[in-house]
Protein backbone atom coordinates (compact mmCIF):
# COMPACT_ATOMS: atom_id res chain seq x y z
CA MET A 1 96.03 72.90 115.98
CA SER A 2 94.59 71.09 113.76
CA GLU A 3 95.16 71.94 109.72
CA GLU A 4 90.93 72.46 109.78
CA GLN A 5 91.26 74.76 112.73
CA GLN A 6 94.25 76.34 111.14
CA PHE A 7 92.08 77.60 108.15
CA GLN A 8 88.72 78.70 109.98
CA ALA A 9 87.15 82.18 109.85
CA GLY A 10 88.17 83.93 113.00
CA VAL A 11 90.64 81.17 114.79
CA ASN A 12 93.07 83.58 116.31
CA THR A 13 96.21 81.21 114.99
CA HIS A 14 98.86 84.20 115.50
CA GLU A 15 98.50 86.65 117.79
CA ASN A 16 99.59 89.59 115.61
CA VAL A 17 99.43 89.61 111.29
CA ILE A 18 101.61 91.16 108.75
CA PHE A 19 100.70 92.69 105.18
CA SER A 20 104.00 92.55 103.29
CA CYS A 21 104.92 94.38 99.94
CA PHE A 22 105.83 91.24 97.73
CA GLY A 23 106.74 93.62 95.01
CA GLY A 24 109.42 91.77 92.27
CA ALA A 25 109.55 94.99 89.99
CA SER A 26 111.98 96.96 92.17
CA ASN A 27 114.99 96.30 95.61
CA THR A 28 112.19 97.76 97.89
CA GLY A 29 109.42 95.47 97.60
CA ILE A 30 111.91 91.62 97.70
CA THR A 31 113.40 94.03 101.17
CA SER A 32 109.84 94.31 102.43
CA ALA A 33 109.04 90.47 101.80
CA LEU A 34 112.24 89.01 103.15
CA ALA A 35 112.49 91.09 106.51
CA SER A 36 108.79 90.22 106.83
CA LEU A 37 110.13 86.28 106.61
CA GLU A 38 112.55 86.98 109.43
CA ALA A 39 110.62 88.48 111.71
CA VAL A 40 108.36 86.03 111.99
CA LYS A 41 111.18 83.62 111.46
CA GLU A 42 112.34 85.26 115.14
CA LEU A 43 109.02 85.74 116.78
CA GLY A 44 107.58 83.04 115.65
CA LEU A 45 104.10 82.31 114.53
CA GLU A 46 102.36 82.44 117.46
CA LYS A 47 103.19 85.71 117.74
CA ALA A 48 103.49 86.77 113.68
CA ALA A 49 102.07 85.45 110.46
CA ILE A 50 102.67 87.17 106.88
CA MET A 51 98.64 87.08 106.11
CA CYS A 52 97.61 86.20 102.02
CA LEU A 53 97.30 90.34 100.99
CA GLY A 54 95.14 88.92 97.76
CA GLY A 55 92.65 87.21 100.19
CA LEU A 56 91.16 90.63 101.37
CA PRO A 57 90.22 91.95 98.81
CA THR A 58 88.87 88.65 97.53
CA ASN A 59 87.11 87.79 100.52
CA VAL A 60 88.78 85.19 101.51
CA LYS A 61 86.82 83.97 105.20
CA PRO A 62 90.24 82.37 107.21
CA VAL A 63 92.35 85.93 105.64
CA LEU A 64 89.69 88.40 107.05
CA GLY A 65 88.26 86.50 110.30
CA LYS A 66 92.17 85.82 111.00
CA THR A 67 92.88 89.76 110.56
CA LYS A 68 90.07 91.30 112.79
CA ALA A 69 91.43 88.55 115.51
CA ALA A 70 94.23 90.13 115.15
CA LYS A 71 95.92 92.02 118.24
CA LYS A 72 97.62 93.77 115.67
CA ILE A 73 97.87 94.20 111.86
CA VAL A 74 101.27 95.81 110.10
CA THR A 75 102.01 96.46 106.90
CA VAL A 76 105.06 96.71 105.18
CA ASP A 77 105.57 98.35 102.08
CA GLY A 78 109.00 98.97 100.29
CA CYS A 79 107.69 102.17 98.62
CA PRO A 80 104.74 105.38 98.79
CA PHE A 81 102.61 103.36 96.88
CA GLU A 82 102.30 101.56 99.72
CA CYS A 83 99.36 99.30 98.47
CA SER A 84 99.54 96.66 101.15
CA ARG A 85 98.40 99.71 103.51
CA LYS A 86 95.85 100.45 100.97
CA ILE A 87 94.52 97.50 100.19
CA VAL A 88 94.17 96.66 104.21
CA GLU A 89 92.96 99.91 104.76
CA GLN A 90 90.31 99.58 101.89
CA ALA A 91 89.05 95.81 103.61
CA GLY A 92 87.89 97.98 106.44
CA PHE A 93 91.55 97.76 109.14
CA LYS A 94 93.37 100.25 110.66
CA PRO A 95 96.75 99.31 110.15
CA ILE A 96 100.56 100.26 111.60
CA SER A 97 102.34 100.94 108.57
CA ILE A 98 106.19 100.52 108.12
CA MET A 99 107.26 101.93 104.64
CA LEU A 100 111.05 100.97 104.17
CA THR A 101 111.86 104.01 101.80
CA ARG A 102 110.68 106.47 104.46
CA ASP A 103 111.28 104.43 107.42
CA ILE A 104 115.17 103.01 107.33
CA GLY A 105 115.69 105.14 103.78
CA MET A 106 116.17 103.01 101.63
CA LYS A 107 116.48 104.41 98.07
CA LYS A 108 113.64 102.38 95.30
CA LYS A 109 116.02 100.87 92.58
CA GLY A 110 113.47 99.42 89.38
CA PHE A 111 115.13 95.97 87.96
CA SER A 112 113.74 97.47 84.83
CA GLU A 113 116.86 100.05 85.00
CA ASP A 114 119.39 97.38 83.94
CA ILE A 115 117.38 96.17 81.22
CA GLY A 116 119.86 95.48 78.11
CA LYS A 117 122.69 96.82 80.18
CA GLY A 118 124.38 93.58 81.92
CA ILE A 119 121.68 92.34 83.30
CA LYS A 120 122.29 91.11 87.42
CA GLY A 121 120.27 88.54 89.54
CA VAL A 122 117.76 90.35 92.02
CA MET A 123 120.28 89.35 94.93
CA GLU A 124 122.07 91.57 93.53
CA TYR A 125 119.67 94.80 94.01
CA ILE A 126 119.56 93.25 97.43
CA SER A 127 121.15 94.88 100.62
CA ASP A 128 121.68 92.17 104.10
CA ASP A 129 122.21 95.59 106.38
CA GLU A 130 118.27 96.83 105.08
CA ILE A 131 116.71 93.11 105.38
CA LYS A 132 118.39 93.75 108.82
CA LYS A 133 117.21 97.28 109.56
CA ALA A 134 113.60 96.70 108.10
CA LYS A 135 112.81 93.33 109.81
CA GLU A 136 114.34 94.86 113.36
CA LEU A 137 111.87 97.30 113.00
CA ILE A 138 109.23 95.33 112.41
CA VAL A 139 109.61 92.77 115.00
CA LYS A 140 109.59 96.42 117.10
CA THR A 141 106.81 97.28 115.99
CA ILE A 142 105.26 94.07 116.79
CA LEU A 143 106.54 93.45 120.15
CA GLU A 144 105.60 97.18 120.85
CA VAL A 145 102.79 97.73 124.05
């Protein structure tokens, strides 16, 4: 597929699309992002791709067109704010919602809680096991008939 086709609105370059929270203020947002990336890596870009969440409210034609052409639209949110799901629904789509605090039992930990108390690196808040559980749930959701 040419680059021109890849960015053309309505061209179904990915069977399914994922809109993921990439919230950098907590462990749940980062886990959502990493798990979504791992799911795409496992499934391959023909089966699934992460779409630009900001492209929906700003009416980016390729994002809207590819979302309309997708078989499944999956939102992956870390916490009950469900920003991804809400943005996708406000754009007129009906996604399948995954929320990590609800669906895999994650506990949200805001990074700002440690400000001034010996700040840790972001990845010290992230669990490989939770990334794996979230990735498996995303893959299962996409592959379900």
